[in-house]
């Protein structure tokens, strides 16, 4: 899973706004939407501060991947059955 997806998923699970996370991590709030969209990547220091503020633990990665896959499947349109 890429950093942008991990960041947004963890932030959502923690019920934080982008501004709240930015303040907790000590990064500029204007950068959060760019980070979550994958338009910019954080340097090592920003990445550490963001993940620390979110309480990220590497052993949770499989659960995060499963949640991201579930969320993706919920947003995809389902084909409708034809009823005669």
Protein backbone atom coordinates (compact mmCIF):
# COMPACT_ATOMS: atom_id res chain seq x y z
CA UNK A 1 0.00 0.00 0.00
CA UNK A 2 1.38 3.42 -0.87
CA UNK A 3 2.07 6.15 1.66
CA UNK A 4 -0.84 8.36 0.56
CA UNK A 5 -3.37 5.56 1.08
CA UNK A 6 -1.86 4.59 4.43
CA UNK A 7 -1.87 8.21 5.60
CA UNK A 8 -5.51 8.85 4.69
CA UNK A 9 -6.70 5.52 6.08
CA UNK A 10 -4.94 6.00 9.41
CA UNK A 11 -6.12 9.59 9.68
CA UNK A 12 -9.70 8.53 8.99
CA UNK A 13 -9.50 5.68 11.51
CA UNK A 14 -8.24 8.14 14.14
CA UNK A 15 -11.11 10.55 13.33
CA UNK A 16 -8.70 13.39 12.64
CA UNK A 17 -9.08 16.17 10.12
CA UNK A 18 -6.18 17.02 7.85
CA UNK A 19 -5.58 20.19 9.89
CA UNK A 20 -5.60 18.29 13.19
CA UNK A 21 -3.07 15.77 11.91
CA UNK A 22 -0.87 18.51 10.47
CA UNK A 23 -0.81 20.29 13.83
CA UNK A 24 -0.07 17.06 15.73
CA UNK A 25 2.78 16.20 13.35
CA UNK A 26 4.15 19.74 13.06
CA UNK A 27 3.74 19.98 9.29
CA UNK A 28 2.02 22.63 7.20
CA UNK A 29 -1.73 22.01 6.96
CA UNK A 30 -1.73 23.01 3.30
CA UNK A 31 0.48 20.01 2.49
CA UNK A 32 -1.91 17.37 3.84
CA UNK A 33 -4.20 17.22 0.79
CA UNK A 34 -1.15 16.94 -1.48
CA UNK A 35 0.28 14.14 0.64
CA UNK A 36 -3.00 12.20 0.70
CA UNK A 37 -3.44 12.64 -3.04
CA UNK A 38 0.06 11.32 -3.65
CA UNK A 39 1.08 14.57 -5.36
CA UNK A 40 4.04 14.97 -3.00
CA UNK A 41 5.95 12.47 -0.93
CA UNK A 42 7.22 13.28 2.54
CA UNK A 43 10.87 13.24 3.37
CA UNK A 44 12.03 10.83 6.09
CA UNK A 45 11.49 13.37 8.89
CA UNK A 46 7.95 14.30 7.80
CA UNK A 47 7.05 10.65 7.30
CA UNK A 48 8.23 9.76 10.81
CA UNK A 49 6.37 12.68 12.39
CA UNK A 50 3.14 11.90 10.53
CA UNK A 51 3.21 8.19 11.32
CA UNK A 52 4.14 8.86 14.95
CA UNK A 53 1.22 11.31 15.29
CA UNK A 54 -1.07 8.58 13.92
CA UNK A 55 0.30 5.87 16.20
CA UNK A 56 1.38 3.75 13.22
CA UNK A 57 2.81 0.32 14.01
CA UNK A 58 4.31 -1.77 11.17
CA UNK A 59 2.64 -4.94 12.45
CA UNK A 60 -0.73 -3.34 11.64
CA UNK A 61 0.08 -3.12 7.92
CA UNK A 62 -1.82 -6.33 6.93
CA UNK A 63 -4.96 -5.00 8.64
CA UNK A 64 -4.58 -1.64 6.90
CA UNK A 65 -4.25 -3.34 3.51
CA UNK A 66 -7.40 -5.36 4.19
CA UNK A 67 -9.29 -2.20 5.23
CA UNK A 68 -8.09 -0.31 2.16
CA UNK A 69 -9.23 -3.18 -0.09
CA UNK A 70 -12.61 -3.30 1.63
CA UNK A 71 -13.05 0.46 1.27
CA UNK A 72 -12.08 0.27 -2.42
CA UNK A 73 -14.60 -2.48 -3.08
CA UNK A 74 -17.35 -0.45 -1.38
CA UNK A 75 -16.76 2.53 -3.67
CA UNK A 76 -16.77 0.56 -6.92
CA UNK A 77 -20.11 0.48 -8.72
CA UNK A 78 -21.87 -2.86 -8.60
CA UNK A 79 -23.46 -4.22 -11.74
CA UNK A 80 -27.23 -4.37 -11.55
CA UNK A 81 -29.08 -7.59 -12.24
CA UNK A 82 -31.74 -7.62 -14.88
CA UNK A 83 -35.12 -8.50 -13.59
CA UNK A 84 -37.70 -9.92 -15.98
